[in-house]
Amino acid sequence: MTDMPHADQVRNHARWRPGWHAGRTGYAWLLPLADQPGLRKLVNDYQYALRDLPGFDLVPLEWMHILVQEIGFTDQVHQSRIEPLLEAARTRLASVPPLTLAFHHAVVLPESLSLPAEPQSTVLDLRAAVREATAEVLGESTVPAEPEDIDKYVSLAHSTTDGPAIFAIATLSATVVEPTTAKVSALSLVKLNRDHSCSEWETIGEVPLGATG
């Protein structure tokens, strides 16, 4: 795997993306990764090195995840759509095998310090399948787009300031870590909130990968 280039500058993490505000929640598909021991150690090693670096909020291990696809705000998607969404995803993902994702070197992104999931194409293929299942139930025009940098990484820390990334790059580069893999066998449908510095959620339902495999 080739290392990805670091961003030269960081900016304050914009947790209020369009439509979001305090107290508002949204449905989303994501891969929760807090139960992956190798990934927990890798993140912990990086976060220990980052503990004294100003300008970043560390993401608690319990909220480690990859956001696959947002669905819509809970005040706009009716409760009656939840079971059809789960059913459509179960059908679509029954032939998608469980994922094996590799993680190694962290990278500075414009708003975060993150671990790329490799191969990135695996996450993008899953997202395409999930997006199709979501559009099947809600209609293509209602499915939110996603920023390109959000759905292929696990965030270690979010930037709280604007400025050069040189100190973050130096800290990450000086940290000795062991690569790890995560085996992910299910996708979660969650109710997400962004009231705090990182995304938090409650799980509404799970969809197994490769159920017919």
N, C-alpha and C. Protein backbone atom coordinates (compact mmCIF):
# COMPACT_ATOMS: atom_id res chain seq x y z
N MET A 1 0.84 -1.18 0.00
CA MET A 1 0.00 0.00 0.00
C MET A 1 0.88 1.24 0.00
N THR A 2 0.52 2.23 -0.78
CA THR A 2 1.29 3.46 -0.83
C THR A 2 0.71 4.47 0.16
N ASP A 3 1.62 5.19 0.84
CA ASP A 3 1.16 6.17 1.82
C ASP A 3 0.50 7.34 1.10
N MET A 4 -0.57 7.84 1.70
CA MET A 4 -1.29 8.96 1.12
C MET A 4 -0.63 10.27 1.53
N PRO A 5 -0.72 11.29 0.68
CA PRO A 5 -0.11 12.57 1.03
C PRO A 5 -0.88 13.27 2.15
N HIS A 6 -0.14 14.00 2.99
CA HIS A 6 -0.77 14.79 4.05
C HIS A 6 -1.26 16.12 3.49
N ALA A 7 -2.30 16.65 4.10
CA ALA A 7 -2.71 18.02 3.81
C ALA A 7 -1.67 18.98 4.40
N ASP A 8 -1.43 20.12 3.75
CA ASP A 8 -0.46 21.10 4.25
C ASP A 8 -1.06 21.99 5.34
N GLN A 9 -2.39 22.16 5.26
CA GLN A 9 -3.08 23.04 6.20
C GLN A 9 -4.26 22.29 6.81
N VAL A 10 -4.61 22.67 8.03
CA VAL A 10 -5.82 22.13 8.64
C VAL A 10 -6.78 23.29 8.92
N ARG A 11 -8.07 22.96 9.01
CA ARG A 11 -9.07 23.96 9.36
C ARG A 11 -10.00 23.39 10.42
N ASN A 12 -10.66 24.25 11.10
CA ASN A 12 -11.56 23.83 12.18
C ASN A 12 -12.61 22.85 11.64
N HIS A 13 -12.75 21.72 12.32
CA HIS A 13 -13.69 20.67 11.90
C HIS A 13 -15.12 21.20 11.93
N ALA A 14 -15.77 21.18 10.76
CA ALA A 14 -17.12 21.72 10.66
C ALA A 14 -18.14 20.64 10.96
N ARG A 15 -18.47 20.49 12.25
CA ARG A 15 -19.40 19.41 12.56
C ARG A 15 -20.83 19.76 12.12
N TRP A 16 -21.12 21.07 12.00
CA TRP A 16 -22.46 21.44 11.52
C TRP A 16 -22.45 21.55 10.01
N ARG A 17 -22.64 20.42 9.37
CA ARG A 17 -22.79 20.46 7.92
C ARG A 17 -24.20 20.92 7.59
N PRO A 18 -24.50 21.21 6.32
CA PRO A 18 -25.81 21.79 5.99
C PRO A 18 -26.99 21.04 6.60
N GLY A 19 -27.85 21.78 7.28
CA GLY A 19 -29.05 21.19 7.87
C GLY A 19 -28.89 20.74 9.30
N TRP A 20 -27.66 20.53 9.76
CA TRP A 20 -27.44 20.06 11.13
C TRP A 20 -27.45 21.22 12.11
N HIS A 21 -27.98 20.97 13.30
CA HIS A 21 -27.86 21.92 14.40
C HIS A 21 -28.01 21.14 15.70
N ALA A 22 -27.72 21.79 16.81
CA ALA A 22 -27.77 21.11 18.11
C ALA A 22 -29.13 20.46 18.33
N GLY A 23 -29.11 19.21 18.75
CA GLY A 23 -30.33 18.49 19.05
C GLY A 23 -30.94 17.76 17.87
N ARG A 24 -30.48 18.04 16.65
CA ARG A 24 -31.04 17.35 15.48
C ARG A 24 -30.29 16.03 15.27
N THR A 25 -31.02 15.01 14.87
CA THR A 25 -30.41 13.71 14.63
C THR A 25 -30.73 13.25 13.21
N GLY A 26 -29.90 12.34 12.72
CA GLY A 26 -30.10 11.83 11.38
C GLY A 26 -29.85 10.33 11.33
N TYR A 27 -30.51 9.65 10.42
CA TYR A 27 -30.26 8.23 10.20
C TYR A 27 -29.05 8.08 9.27
N ALA A 28 -28.25 7.05 9.50
CA ALA A 28 -27.07 6.81 8.67
C ALA A 28 -26.70 5.34 8.70
N TRP A 29 -26.01 4.92 7.66
CA TRP A 29 -25.38 3.60 7.63
C TRP A 29 -23.91 3.78 8.00
N LEU A 30 -23.41 2.98 8.94
CA LEU A 30 -21.99 3.07 9.25
C LEU A 30 -21.44 1.72 9.70
N LEU A 31 -20.11 1.65 9.70
CA LEU A 31 -19.40 0.47 10.19
C LEU A 31 -18.81 0.83 11.54
N PRO A 32 -19.39 0.32 12.66
CA PRO A 32 -18.81 0.58 13.98
C PRO A 32 -17.55 -0.28 14.12
N LEU A 33 -16.47 0.32 14.66
CA LEU A 33 -15.20 -0.40 14.71
C LEU A 33 -14.61 -0.47 16.12
N ALA A 34 -15.39 -0.10 17.12
CA ALA A 34 -14.87 -0.09 18.49
C ALA A 34 -14.52 -1.48 19.01
N ASP A 35 -15.10 -2.52 18.40
CA ASP A 35 -14.88 -3.87 18.90
C ASP A 35 -13.68 -4.56 18.23
N GLN A 36 -12.88 -3.81 17.48
CA GLN A 36 -11.73 -4.38 16.78
C GLN A 36 -10.46 -4.15 17.61
N PRO A 37 -9.94 -5.20 18.29
CA PRO A 37 -8.82 -4.99 19.21
C PRO A 37 -7.55 -4.46 18.56
N GLY A 38 -7.21 -4.94 17.36
CA GLY A 38 -6.01 -4.45 16.70
C GLY A 38 -6.11 -2.99 16.33
N LEU A 39 -7.30 -2.59 15.86
CA LEU A 39 -7.51 -1.19 15.50
C LEU A 39 -7.52 -0.31 16.74
N ARG A 40 -8.10 -0.79 17.81
CA ARG A 40 -8.09 -0.03 19.07
C ARG A 40 -6.65 0.26 19.51
N LYS A 41 -5.78 -0.76 19.40
CA LYS A 41 -4.37 -0.56 19.81
C LYS A 41 -3.70 0.45 18.89
N LEU A 42 -3.93 0.34 17.59
CA LEU A 42 -3.32 1.27 16.64
C LEU A 42 -3.76 2.70 16.93
N VAL A 43 -5.06 2.89 17.11
CA VAL A 43 -5.58 4.22 17.40
C VAL A 43 -5.04 4.72 18.74
N ASN A 44 -5.00 3.84 19.72
CA ASN A 44 -4.51 4.22 21.04
C ASN A 44 -3.05 4.68 20.98
N ASP A 45 -2.23 3.95 20.19
CA ASP A 45 -0.82 4.33 20.06
C ASP A 45 -0.68 5.72 19.45
N TYR A 46 -1.45 5.99 18.41
CA TYR A 46 -1.41 7.32 17.80
C TYR A 46 -1.94 8.39 18.77
N GLN A 47 -3.05 8.09 19.42
CA GLN A 47 -3.64 9.10 20.30
C GLN A 47 -2.74 9.41 21.50
N TYR A 48 -1.99 8.42 21.96
CA TYR A 48 -1.04 8.68 23.06
C TYR A 48 0.01 9.69 22.59
N ALA A 49 0.48 9.51 21.36
CA ALA A 49 1.48 10.43 20.82
C ALA A 49 0.90 11.82 20.59
N LEU A 50 -0.42 11.88 20.33
CA LEU A 50 -1.07 13.15 20.01
C LEU A 50 -1.59 13.89 21.24
N ARG A 51 -1.45 13.28 22.41
CA ARG A 51 -2.15 13.79 23.60
C ARG A 51 -1.77 15.23 23.95
N ASP A 52 -0.53 15.64 23.63
CA ASP A 52 -0.09 16.99 23.98
C ASP A 52 -0.06 17.93 22.78
N LEU A 53 -0.58 17.46 21.63
CA LEU A 53 -0.57 18.31 20.44
C LEU A 53 -1.76 19.25 20.48
N PRO A 54 -1.54 20.56 20.56
CA PRO A 54 -2.69 21.48 20.63
C PRO A 54 -3.43 21.54 19.29
N GLY A 55 -4.71 21.89 19.38
CA GLY A 55 -5.48 22.12 18.16
C GLY A 55 -6.24 20.91 17.65
N PHE A 56 -6.30 19.83 18.46
CA PHE A 56 -7.02 18.64 18.02
C PHE A 56 -7.81 18.03 19.18
N ASP A 57 -9.04 17.59 18.88
CA ASP A 57 -9.85 16.81 19.84
C ASP A 57 -9.74 15.34 19.46
N LEU A 58 -9.30 14.51 20.40
CA LEU A 58 -9.19 13.07 20.13
C LEU A 58 -10.58 12.43 20.10
N VAL A 59 -10.77 11.50 19.20
CA VAL A 59 -12.06 10.79 19.09
C VAL A 59 -12.04 9.61 20.06
N PRO A 60 -12.99 9.52 21.00
CA PRO A 60 -13.02 8.37 21.92
C PRO A 60 -13.10 7.05 21.16
N LEU A 61 -12.40 6.04 21.68
CA LEU A 61 -12.36 4.74 21.01
C LEU A 61 -13.75 4.17 20.76
N GLU A 62 -14.69 4.43 21.68
CA GLU A 62 -16.03 3.84 21.55
C GLU A 62 -16.78 4.36 20.33
N TRP A 63 -16.35 5.52 19.77
CA TRP A 63 -17.05 6.09 18.63
C TRP A 63 -16.26 5.93 17.33
N MET A 64 -15.29 5.02 17.31
CA MET A 64 -14.56 4.76 16.06
C MET A 64 -15.51 4.14 15.04
N HIS A 65 -15.46 4.66 13.82
CA HIS A 65 -16.37 4.14 12.80
C HIS A 65 -15.94 4.62 11.42
N ILE A 66 -16.55 4.03 10.41
CA ILE A 66 -16.51 4.58 9.06
C ILE A 66 -17.94 4.90 8.67
N LEU A 67 -18.20 6.16 8.37
CA LEU A 67 -19.53 6.57 7.90
C LEU A 67 -19.67 6.14 6.45
N VAL A 68 -20.63 5.27 6.17
CA VAL A 68 -20.79 4.75 4.81
C VAL A 68 -21.75 5.61 4.00
N GLN A 69 -22.90 5.94 4.59
CA GLN A 69 -23.89 6.73 3.85
C GLN A 69 -24.90 7.35 4.81
N GLU A 70 -25.08 8.66 4.73
CA GLU A 70 -26.16 9.28 5.47
C GLU A 70 -27.47 9.00 4.74
N ILE A 71 -28.56 8.92 5.51
CA ILE A 71 -29.87 8.57 4.94
C ILE A 71 -30.78 9.79 4.90
N GLY A 72 -30.84 10.51 6.01
CA GLY A 72 -31.71 11.69 6.09
C GLY A 72 -31.98 12.02 7.55
N PHE A 73 -32.46 13.21 7.82
CA PHE A 73 -32.74 13.61 9.19
C PHE A 73 -33.95 12.83 9.74
N THR A 74 -33.91 12.57 11.03
CA THR A 74 -34.99 11.76 11.64
C THR A 74 -36.33 12.49 11.61
N ASP A 75 -36.31 13.82 11.47
CA ASP A 75 -37.58 14.55 11.38
C ASP A 75 -38.09 14.62 9.94
N GLN A 76 -37.36 14.00 9.01
CA GLN A 76 -37.78 13.99 7.61
C GLN A 76 -38.00 12.59 7.05
N VAL A 77 -37.37 11.59 7.67
CA VAL A 77 -37.55 10.19 7.25
C VAL A 77 -38.51 9.54 8.23
N HIS A 78 -39.66 9.12 7.75
CA HIS A 78 -40.69 8.57 8.65
C HIS A 78 -40.25 7.22 9.20
N GLN A 79 -40.65 6.98 10.44
CA GLN A 79 -40.32 5.73 11.13
C GLN A 79 -40.72 4.49 10.31
N SER A 80 -41.78 4.63 9.55
CA SER A 80 -42.27 3.48 8.76
C SER A 80 -41.30 3.08 7.65
N ARG A 81 -40.32 3.92 7.36
CA ARG A 81 -39.34 3.61 6.30
C ARG A 81 -38.17 2.77 6.82
N ILE A 82 -38.05 2.67 8.14
CA ILE A 82 -36.86 2.01 8.70
C ILE A 82 -36.79 0.52 8.35
N GLU A 83 -37.88 -0.20 8.57
CA GLU A 83 -37.86 -1.64 8.27
C GLU A 83 -37.65 -1.90 6.78
N PRO A 84 -38.33 -1.17 5.87
CA PRO A 84 -38.03 -1.34 4.45
C PRO A 84 -36.56 -1.04 4.10
N LEU A 85 -35.97 -0.04 4.76
CA LEU A 85 -34.56 0.26 4.53
C LEU A 85 -33.68 -0.92 4.92
N LEU A 86 -33.95 -1.48 6.09
CA LEU A 86 -33.17 -2.63 6.56
C LEU A 86 -33.36 -3.82 5.63
N GLU A 87 -34.58 -4.03 5.19
CA GLU A 87 -34.87 -5.17 4.32
C GLU A 87 -34.19 -5.02 2.96
N ALA A 88 -34.23 -3.82 2.41
CA ALA A 88 -33.57 -3.56 1.12
C ALA A 88 -32.06 -3.77 1.23
N ALA A 89 -31.50 -3.33 2.34
CA ALA A 89 -30.06 -3.50 2.54
C ALA A 89 -29.70 -4.97 2.73
N ARG A 90 -30.54 -5.70 3.47
CA ARG A 90 -30.27 -7.14 3.66
C ARG A 90 -30.25 -7.85 2.32
N THR A 91 -31.19 -7.53 1.46
CA THR A 91 -31.25 -8.16 0.14
C THR A 91 -30.02 -7.80 -0.68
N ARG A 92 -29.68 -6.52 -0.68
CA ARG A 92 -28.57 -6.03 -1.51
C ARG A 92 -27.21 -6.53 -1.01
N LEU A 93 -27.07 -6.68 0.31
CA LEU A 93 -25.76 -7.02 0.88
C LEU A 93 -25.60 -8.51 1.16
N ALA A 94 -26.63 -9.30 0.86
CA ALA A 94 -26.54 -10.74 1.13
C ALA A 94 -25.39 -11.39 0.37
N SER A 95 -25.06 -10.86 -0.80
CA SER A 95 -23.99 -11.44 -1.61
C SER A 95 -22.66 -10.70 -1.46
N VAL A 96 -22.62 -9.67 -0.60
CA VAL A 96 -21.38 -8.93 -0.36
C VAL A 96 -20.66 -9.59 0.83
N PRO A 97 -19.46 -10.15 0.62
CA PRO A 97 -18.79 -10.85 1.71
C PRO A 97 -18.37 -9.90 2.83
N PRO A 98 -18.19 -10.44 4.04
CA PRO A 98 -17.65 -9.61 5.13
C PRO A 98 -16.36 -8.92 4.69
N LEU A 99 -16.13 -7.73 5.22
CA LEU A 99 -14.99 -6.92 4.79
C LEU A 99 -13.75 -7.22 5.61
N THR A 100 -12.59 -7.25 4.96
CA THR A 100 -11.31 -7.24 5.65
C THR A 100 -10.60 -5.96 5.26
N LEU A 101 -10.45 -5.06 6.22
CA LEU A 101 -9.86 -3.75 5.97
C LEU A 101 -8.53 -3.63 6.70
N ALA A 102 -7.53 -3.11 6.02
CA ALA A 102 -6.21 -2.92 6.62
C ALA A 102 -6.01 -1.45 6.99
N PHE A 103 -5.31 -1.23 8.11
CA PHE A 103 -5.01 0.12 8.58
C PHE A 103 -3.54 0.17 9.00
N HIS A 104 -2.87 1.27 8.65
CA HIS A 104 -1.48 1.40 9.08
C HIS A 104 -1.13 2.86 9.39
N HIS A 105 -0.70 3.62 8.38
CA HIS A 105 -0.21 4.98 8.65
C HIS A 105 -1.34 6.00 8.64
N ALA A 106 -1.38 6.83 9.67
CA ALA A 106 -2.37 7.90 9.74
C ALA A 106 -1.98 9.03 8.80
N VAL A 107 -2.97 9.79 8.38
CA VAL A 107 -2.75 10.88 7.44
C VAL A 107 -3.45 12.14 7.94
N VAL A 108 -2.87 13.30 7.64
CA VAL A 108 -3.49 14.58 7.97
C VAL A 108 -4.45 14.94 6.84
N LEU A 109 -5.74 15.03 7.16
CA LEU A 109 -6.75 15.52 6.22
C LEU A 109 -7.07 16.96 6.60
N PRO A 110 -7.79 17.69 5.75
CA PRO A 110 -8.04 19.10 6.05
C PRO A 110 -8.72 19.36 7.39
N GLU A 111 -9.55 18.41 7.89
CA GLU A 111 -10.24 18.65 9.16
C GLU A 111 -9.98 17.57 10.20
N SER A 112 -9.12 16.62 9.89
CA SER A 112 -8.92 15.52 10.85
C SER A 112 -7.60 14.82 10.64
N LEU A 113 -7.21 14.05 11.65
CA LEU A 113 -6.11 13.09 11.54
C LEU A 113 -6.79 11.73 11.46
N SER A 114 -6.53 10.99 10.41
CA SER A 114 -7.34 9.80 10.14
C SER A 114 -6.52 8.63 9.62
N LEU A 115 -7.08 7.45 9.79
CA LEU A 115 -6.48 6.22 9.28
C LEU A 115 -7.23 5.79 8.02
N PRO A 116 -6.56 5.76 6.86
CA PRO A 116 -7.22 5.28 5.65
C PRO A 116 -7.52 3.78 5.78
N ALA A 117 -8.71 3.39 5.33
CA ALA A 117 -9.07 1.97 5.26
C ALA A 117 -8.63 1.45 3.89
N GLU A 118 -7.87 0.36 3.89
CA GLU A 118 -7.40 -0.21 2.63
C GLU A 118 -7.98 -1.62 2.45
N PRO A 119 -8.36 -2.01 1.24
CA PRO A 119 -8.38 -1.14 0.06
C PRO A 119 -9.57 -0.18 0.11
N GLN A 120 -9.34 1.06 -0.29
CA GLN A 120 -10.40 2.06 -0.26
C GLN A 120 -11.57 1.65 -1.16
N SER A 121 -11.27 0.91 -2.22
CA SER A 121 -12.32 0.48 -3.15
C SER A 121 -13.35 -0.41 -2.46
N THR A 122 -12.93 -1.16 -1.43
CA THR A 122 -13.86 -2.03 -0.71
C THR A 122 -14.96 -1.19 -0.05
N VAL A 123 -14.55 -0.09 0.58
CA VAL A 123 -15.52 0.78 1.25
C VAL A 123 -16.41 1.46 0.22
N LEU A 124 -15.83 1.89 -0.89
CA LEU A 124 -16.61 2.57 -1.92
C LEU A 124 -17.61 1.62 -2.58
N ASP A 125 -17.21 0.36 -2.78
CA ASP A 125 -18.13 -0.62 -3.35
C ASP A 125 -19.30 -0.87 -2.39
N LEU A 126 -19.00 -0.97 -1.09
CA LEU A 126 -20.06 -1.16 -0.10
C LEU A 126 -20.99 0.05 -0.12
N ARG A 127 -20.41 1.24 -0.18
CA ARG A 127 -21.23 2.45 -0.18
C ARG A 127 -22.16 2.47 -1.40
N ALA A 128 -21.64 2.05 -2.55
CA ALA A 128 -22.47 2.05 -3.77
C ALA A 128 -23.67 1.12 -3.59
N ALA A 129 -23.44 -0.06 -2.99
CA ALA A 129 -24.52 -1.02 -2.78
C ALA A 129 -25.54 -0.47 -1.78
N VAL A 130 -25.04 0.15 -0.72
CA VAL A 130 -25.92 0.70 0.32
C VAL A 130 -26.72 1.88 -0.24
N ARG A 131 -26.07 2.67 -1.06
CA ARG A 131 -26.75 3.82 -1.65
C ARG A 131 -27.90 3.35 -2.56
N GLU A 132 -27.65 2.29 -3.32
CA GLU A 132 -28.70 1.74 -4.19
C GLU A 132 -29.88 1.24 -3.36
N ALA A 133 -29.58 0.54 -2.27
CA ALA A 133 -30.66 0.02 -1.41
C ALA A 133 -31.46 1.16 -0.80
N THR A 134 -30.77 2.23 -0.38
CA THR A 134 -31.44 3.38 0.23
C THR A 134 -32.31 4.10 -0.79
N ALA A 135 -31.77 4.28 -2.00
CA ALA A 135 -32.52 4.97 -3.06
C ALA A 135 -33.76 4.17 -3.47
N GLU A 136 -33.65 2.85 -3.38
CA GLU A 136 -34.76 1.96 -3.72
C GLU A 136 -35.98 2.25 -2.83
N VAL A 137 -35.70 2.57 -1.58
CA VAL A 137 -36.78 2.80 -0.61
C VAL A 137 -37.21 4.26 -0.57
N LEU A 138 -36.25 5.18 -0.60
CA LEU A 138 -36.56 6.60 -0.39
C LEU A 138 -36.59 7.42 -1.68
N GLY A 139 -36.03 6.86 -2.77
CA GLY A 139 -35.92 7.63 -4.01
C GLY A 139 -34.54 8.25 -4.14
N GLU A 140 -33.97 8.15 -5.33
CA GLU A 140 -32.59 8.59 -5.58
C GLU A 140 -32.37 10.05 -5.19
N SER A 141 -33.35 10.90 -5.46
CA SER A 141 -33.15 12.34 -5.25
C SER A 141 -33.07 12.72 -3.77
N THR A 142 -33.52 11.85 -2.89
CA THR A 142 -33.52 12.20 -1.47
C THR A 142 -32.27 11.70 -0.74
N VAL A 143 -31.45 10.88 -1.39
CA VAL A 143 -30.28 10.31 -0.70
C VAL A 143 -29.16 11.35 -0.65
N PRO A 144 -28.69 11.70 0.56
CA PRO A 144 -27.66 12.75 0.65
C PRO A 144 -26.35 12.31 0.00
N ALA A 145 -25.66 13.28 -0.59
CA ALA A 145 -24.30 13.04 -1.08
C ALA A 145 -23.36 13.03 0.13
N GLU A 146 -22.16 12.50 -0.06
CA GLU A 146 -21.17 12.50 1.01
C GLU A 146 -19.89 13.18 0.55
N PRO A 147 -19.26 13.97 1.42
CA PRO A 147 -17.93 14.48 1.09
C PRO A 147 -16.99 13.30 0.82
N GLU A 148 -16.12 13.47 -0.14
CA GLU A 148 -15.27 12.35 -0.57
C GLU A 148 -14.35 11.84 0.54
N ASP A 149 -13.97 12.71 1.46
CA ASP A 149 -12.97 12.28 2.44
C ASP A 149 -13.58 11.65 3.69
N ILE A 150 -14.90 11.49 3.73
CA ILE A 150 -15.48 11.08 5.00
C ILE A 150 -15.72 9.58 5.10
N ASP A 151 -15.80 8.91 3.96
CA ASP A 151 -16.30 7.54 4.02
C ASP A 151 -15.25 6.46 3.79
N LYS A 152 -13.95 6.84 3.86
CA LYS A 152 -12.92 5.84 3.63
C LYS A 152 -11.88 5.85 4.75
N TYR A 153 -12.18 6.54 5.85
CA TYR A 153 -11.21 6.74 6.92
C TYR A 153 -11.83 6.54 8.29
N VAL A 154 -10.97 6.20 9.26
CA VAL A 154 -11.36 6.21 10.67
C VAL A 154 -10.67 7.43 11.29
N SER A 155 -11.44 8.32 11.86
CA SER A 155 -10.87 9.55 12.44
C SER A 155 -10.24 9.28 13.79
N LEU A 156 -9.01 9.78 13.98
CA LEU A 156 -8.31 9.72 15.26
C LEU A 156 -8.58 10.98 16.08
N ALA A 157 -8.63 12.11 15.37
CA ALA A 157 -8.78 13.41 16.03
C ALA A 157 -9.32 14.40 15.02
N HIS A 158 -10.09 15.37 15.53
CA HIS A 158 -10.62 16.44 14.69
C HIS A 158 -9.91 17.75 14.99
N SER A 159 -9.63 18.51 13.96
CA SER A 159 -8.95 19.78 14.13
C SER A 159 -9.89 20.81 14.77
N THR A 160 -9.36 21.59 15.68
CA THR A 160 -10.16 22.64 16.34
C THR A 160 -9.68 24.04 15.95
N THR A 161 -8.68 24.12 15.08
CA THR A 161 -8.14 25.42 14.68
C THR A 161 -7.81 25.41 13.19
N ASP A 162 -7.50 26.59 12.67
CA ASP A 162 -6.99 26.73 11.31
C ASP A 162 -5.48 26.99 11.39
N GLY A 163 -4.72 26.35 10.50
CA GLY A 163 -3.28 26.62 10.52
C GLY A 163 -2.48 25.56 9.79
N PRO A 164 -1.15 25.68 9.85
CA PRO A 164 -0.29 24.70 9.17
C PRO A 164 -0.36 23.33 9.85
N ALA A 165 -0.17 22.30 9.04
CA ALA A 165 -0.27 20.92 9.55
C ALA A 165 1.08 20.35 9.94
N ILE A 166 2.16 21.16 9.91
CA ILE A 166 3.51 20.62 10.05
C ILE A 166 3.73 19.87 11.37
N PHE A 167 3.16 20.37 12.47
CA PHE A 167 3.38 19.71 13.75
C PHE A 167 2.62 18.39 13.84
N ALA A 168 1.42 18.37 13.28
CA ALA A 168 0.66 17.12 13.25
C ALA A 168 1.36 16.09 12.37
N ILE A 169 1.88 16.52 11.22
CA ILE A 169 2.60 15.61 10.33
C ILE A 169 3.82 15.04 11.05
N ALA A 170 4.56 15.90 11.73
CA ALA A 170 5.76 15.46 12.44
C ALA A 170 5.42 14.45 13.53
N THR A 171 4.33 14.71 14.27
CA THR A 171 3.94 13.79 15.35
C THR A 171 3.53 12.43 14.79
N LEU A 172 2.72 12.44 13.75
CA LEU A 172 2.30 11.17 13.15
C LEU A 172 3.50 10.40 12.59
N SER A 173 4.39 11.12 11.91
CA SER A 173 5.54 10.47 11.28
C SER A 173 6.50 9.86 12.29
N ALA A 174 6.57 10.46 13.48
CA ALA A 174 7.49 9.98 14.51
C ALA A 174 6.92 8.85 15.35
N THR A 175 5.65 8.53 15.15
CA THR A 175 4.99 7.51 15.97
C THR A 175 5.17 6.13 15.32
N VAL A 176 5.75 5.22 16.08
CA VAL A 176 5.97 3.86 15.57
C VAL A 176 4.72 3.02 15.87
N VAL A 177 4.12 2.48 14.82
CA VAL A 177 2.89 1.70 14.98
C VAL A 177 2.96 0.43 14.16
N GLU A 178 2.16 -0.54 14.55
CA GLU A 178 2.05 -1.80 13.81
C GLU A 178 0.78 -1.79 12.98
N PRO A 179 0.85 -2.23 11.72
CA PRO A 179 -0.38 -2.31 10.91
C PRO A 179 -1.33 -3.35 11.49
N THR A 180 -2.59 -3.21 11.17
CA THR A 180 -3.58 -4.16 11.67
C THR A 180 -4.67 -4.34 10.62
N THR A 181 -5.48 -5.36 10.80
CA THR A 181 -6.64 -5.54 9.94
C THR A 181 -7.89 -5.64 10.82
N ALA A 182 -9.00 -5.24 10.24
CA ALA A 182 -10.29 -5.35 10.91
C ALA A 182 -11.20 -6.19 10.03
N LYS A 183 -11.89 -7.13 10.65
CA LYS A 183 -12.86 -7.95 9.92
C LYS A 183 -14.25 -7.49 10.32
N VAL A 184 -15.01 -7.01 9.35
CA VAL A 184 -16.31 -6.40 9.62
C VAL A 184 -17.40 -7.25 8.97
N SER A 185 -18.29 -7.77 9.79
CA SER A 185 -19.29 -8.72 9.28
C SER A 185 -20.70 -8.16 9.21
N ALA A 186 -20.88 -6.90 9.60
CA ALA A 186 -22.23 -6.32 9.57
C ALA A 186 -22.15 -4.81 9.42
N LEU A 187 -23.20 -4.27 8.85
CA LEU A 187 -23.38 -2.83 8.68
C LEU A 187 -24.47 -2.39 9.65
N SER A 188 -24.33 -1.23 10.25
CA SER A 188 -25.33 -0.75 11.21
C SER A 188 -26.12 0.42 10.66
N LEU A 189 -27.43 0.40 10.91
CA LEU A 189 -28.28 1.56 10.68
C LEU A 189 -28.40 2.26 12.02
N VAL A 190 -28.03 3.53 12.08
CA VAL A 190 -27.96 4.22 13.36
C VAL A 190 -28.71 5.55 13.32
N LYS A 191 -29.02 6.03 14.52
CA LYS A 191 -29.52 7.39 14.69
C LYS A 191 -28.34 8.21 15.21
N LEU A 192 -27.88 9.15 14.38
CA LEU A 192 -26.62 9.85 14.60
C LEU A 192 -26.88 11.25 15.14
N ASN A 193 -25.99 11.69 16.06
CA ASN A 193 -26.03 13.10 16.45
C ASN A 193 -24.63 13.68 16.41
N ARG A 194 -24.56 14.99 16.21
CA ARG A 194 -23.26 15.67 16.14
C ARG A 194 -23.17 16.77 17.20
N ASP A 195 -23.85 16.56 18.32
CA ASP A 195 -23.89 17.60 19.34
C ASP A 195 -22.53 17.80 20.02
N HIS A 196 -21.70 16.77 20.02
CA HIS A 196 -20.39 16.88 20.66
C HIS A 196 -19.29 16.92 19.59
N SER A 197 -18.04 16.82 20.00
CA SER A 197 -16.95 17.04 19.05
C SER A 197 -16.81 15.91 18.03
N CYS A 198 -17.40 14.75 18.32
CA CYS A 198 -17.38 13.67 17.33
C CYS A 198 -18.80 13.11 17.19
N SER A 199 -19.02 12.36 16.13
CA SER A 199 -20.34 11.76 15.90
C SER A 199 -20.60 10.68 16.95
N GLU A 200 -21.82 10.67 17.49
CA GLU A 200 -22.26 9.63 18.42
C GLU A 200 -23.58 9.09 17.90
N TRP A 201 -23.93 7.88 18.32
CA TRP A 201 -25.13 7.28 17.74
C TRP A 201 -25.73 6.22 18.66
N GLU A 202 -26.99 5.87 18.32
CA GLU A 202 -27.60 4.66 18.87
C GLU A 202 -27.95 3.76 17.69
N THR A 203 -27.76 2.47 17.87
CA THR A 203 -27.97 1.52 16.77
C THR A 203 -29.46 1.17 16.66
N ILE A 204 -29.99 1.30 15.44
CA ILE A 204 -31.39 0.98 15.17
C ILE A 204 -31.53 -0.45 14.67
N GLY A 205 -30.58 -0.88 13.84
CA GLY A 205 -30.63 -2.24 13.28
C GLY A 205 -29.31 -2.60 12.65
N GLU A 206 -29.10 -3.88 12.40
CA GLU A 206 -27.87 -4.34 11.78
C GLU A 206 -28.19 -5.20 10.56
N VAL A 207 -27.31 -5.12 9.57
CA VAL A 207 -27.46 -5.91 8.35
C VAL A 207 -26.20 -6.75 8.18
N PRO A 208 -26.32 -8.09 8.24
CA PRO A 208 -25.13 -8.92 8.06
C PRO A 208 -24.62 -8.88 6.63
N LEU A 209 -23.31 -8.96 6.49
CA LEU A 209 -22.71 -9.04 5.16
C LEU A 209 -22.53 -10.51 4.79
N GLY A 210 -22.83 -10.83 3.53
CA GLY A 210 -22.63 -12.21 3.08
C GLY A 210 -23.54 -13.22 3.71
N ALA A 211 -24.79 -12.81 3.95
CA ALA A 211 -25.73 -13.70 4.64
C ALA A 211 -26.02 -14.98 3.84
N THR A 212 -25.85 -14.92 2.52
CA THR A 212 -26.12 -16.10 1.71
C THR A 212 -24.84 -16.80 1.28
N GLY A 213 -23.68 -16.26 1.77
CA GLY A 213 -22.39 -16.80 1.35
C GLY A 213 -22.05 -18.09 2.06
